[in-house]
Amino acid sequence: MNMNDFADWVQDKMDSCNVHDEIETSKLMVEIMNKFFAVGKESNDISDSG
């Protein structure tokens, strides 16, 4: 997954989220941050090996 794919994924997730539900929103933010760091690590691993 590249950053463009990630941005599209985040937009879809945020569009489907009930932002008035603080618990749902906070869980979604954790999921987004975890995926963001995973994408960043994947990107670093590729650039380090190349």
C-alpha atoms as a PDB file:
ATOM      1  CA  MET A   1       0.000   0.000   0.000  1.00  0.00           C
ATOM      2  CA  ASN A   2       1.392   3.386  -0.933  1.00  0.00           C
ATOM      3  CA  MET A   3       0.453   6.707   0.639  1.00  0.00           C
ATOM      4  CA  ASN A   4      -2.163   7.461  -2.037  1.00  0.00           C
ATOM      5  CA  ASP A   5      -3.882   4.149  -1.311  1.00  0.00           C
ATOM      6  CA  PHE A   6      -3.608   4.910   2.396  1.00  0.00           C
ATOM      7  CA  ALA A   7      -5.208   8.342   1.943  1.00  0.00           C
ATOM      8  CA  ASP A   8      -8.101   6.810  -0.005  1.00  0.00           C
ATOM      9  CA  TRP A   9      -8.536   4.141   2.683  1.00  0.00           C
ATOM     10  CA  VAL A  10      -8.576   6.788   5.440  1.00  0.00           C
ATOM     11  CA  GLN A  11     -11.118   8.883   3.558  1.00  0.00           C
ATOM     12  CA  ASP A  12     -13.425   5.890   3.149  1.00  0.00           C
ATOM     13  CA  LYS A  13     -13.060   5.033   6.847  1.00  0.00           C
ATOM     14  CA  MET A  14     -13.744   8.600   7.983  1.00  0.00           C
ATOM     15  CA  ASP A  15     -16.739   8.906   5.661  1.00  0.00           C
ATOM     16  CA  SER A  16     -18.281   5.792   7.205  1.00  0.00           C
ATOM     17  CA  CYS A  17     -17.545   6.826  10.800  1.00  0.00           C
ATOM     18  CA  ASN A  18     -20.118   8.401  13.104  1.00  0.00           C
ATOM     19  CA  VAL A  19     -18.032  11.357  14.272  1.00  0.00           C
ATOM     20  CA  HIS A  20     -20.585  12.122  16.997  1.00  0.00           C
ATOM     21  CA  ASP A  21     -19.707   8.824  18.708  1.00  0.00           C
ATOM     22  CA  GLU A  22     -16.471   9.584  20.566  1.00  0.00           C
ATOM     23  CA  ILE A  23     -15.663   5.932  21.288  1.00  0.00           C
ATOM     24  CA  GLU A  24     -16.089   4.862  17.663  1.00  0.00           C
ATOM     25  CA  THR A  25     -14.057   7.840  16.471  1.00  0.00           C
ATOM     26  CA  SER A  26     -11.223   7.224  18.933  1.00  0.00           C
ATOM     27  CA  LYS A  27     -11.031   3.541  17.948  1.00  0.00           C
ATOM     28  CA  LEU A  28     -10.937   4.566  14.296  1.00  0.00           C
ATOM     29  CA  MET A  29      -8.132   7.056  14.952  1.00  0.00           C
ATOM     30  CA  VAL A  30      -6.079   4.313  16.640  1.00  0.00           C
ATOM     31  CA  GLU A  31      -6.677   2.015  13.662  1.00  0.00           C
ATOM     32  CA  ILE A  32      -5.640   4.780  11.253  1.00  0.00           C
ATOM     33  CA  MET A  33      -2.465   5.580  13.209  1.00  0.00           C
ATOM     34  CA  ASN A  34      -1.487   1.903  13.436  1.00  0.00           C
ATOM     35  CA  LYS A  35      -1.938   1.501   9.693  1.00  0.00           C
ATOM     36  CA  PHE A  36      -0.062   4.764   9.023  1.00  0.00           C
ATOM     37  CA  PHE A  37       2.983   3.582  10.959  1.00  0.00           C
ATOM     38  CA  ALA A  38       2.805   0.154   9.293  1.00  0.00           C
ATOM     39  CA  VAL A  39       2.788   1.812   5.860  1.00  0.00           C
ATOM     40  CA  GLY A  40       5.698   4.040   6.903  1.00  0.00           C
ATOM     41  CA  LYS A  41       7.694   1.059   8.181  1.00  0.00           C
ATOM     42  CA  GLU A  42       6.969  -0.857   4.981  1.00  0.00           C
ATOM     43  CA  SER A  43       8.190   2.109   2.955  1.00  0.00           C
ATOM     44  CA  ASN A  44      11.383   2.386   5.043  1.00  0.00           C
ATOM     45  CA  ASP A  45      12.072  -1.342   4.761  1.00  0.00           C
ATOM     46  CA  ILE A  46      11.826  -1.138   0.976  1.00  0.00           C
ATOM     47  CA  SER A  47      14.111   1.919   0.736  1.00  0.00           C
ATOM     48  CA  ASP A  48      16.667   0.411   3.160  1.00  0.00           C
ATOM     49  CA  SER A  49      16.976  -2.779   1.124  1.00  0.00           C
ATOM     50  CA  GLY A  50      17.222  -1.023  -2.223  1.00  0.00           C
END
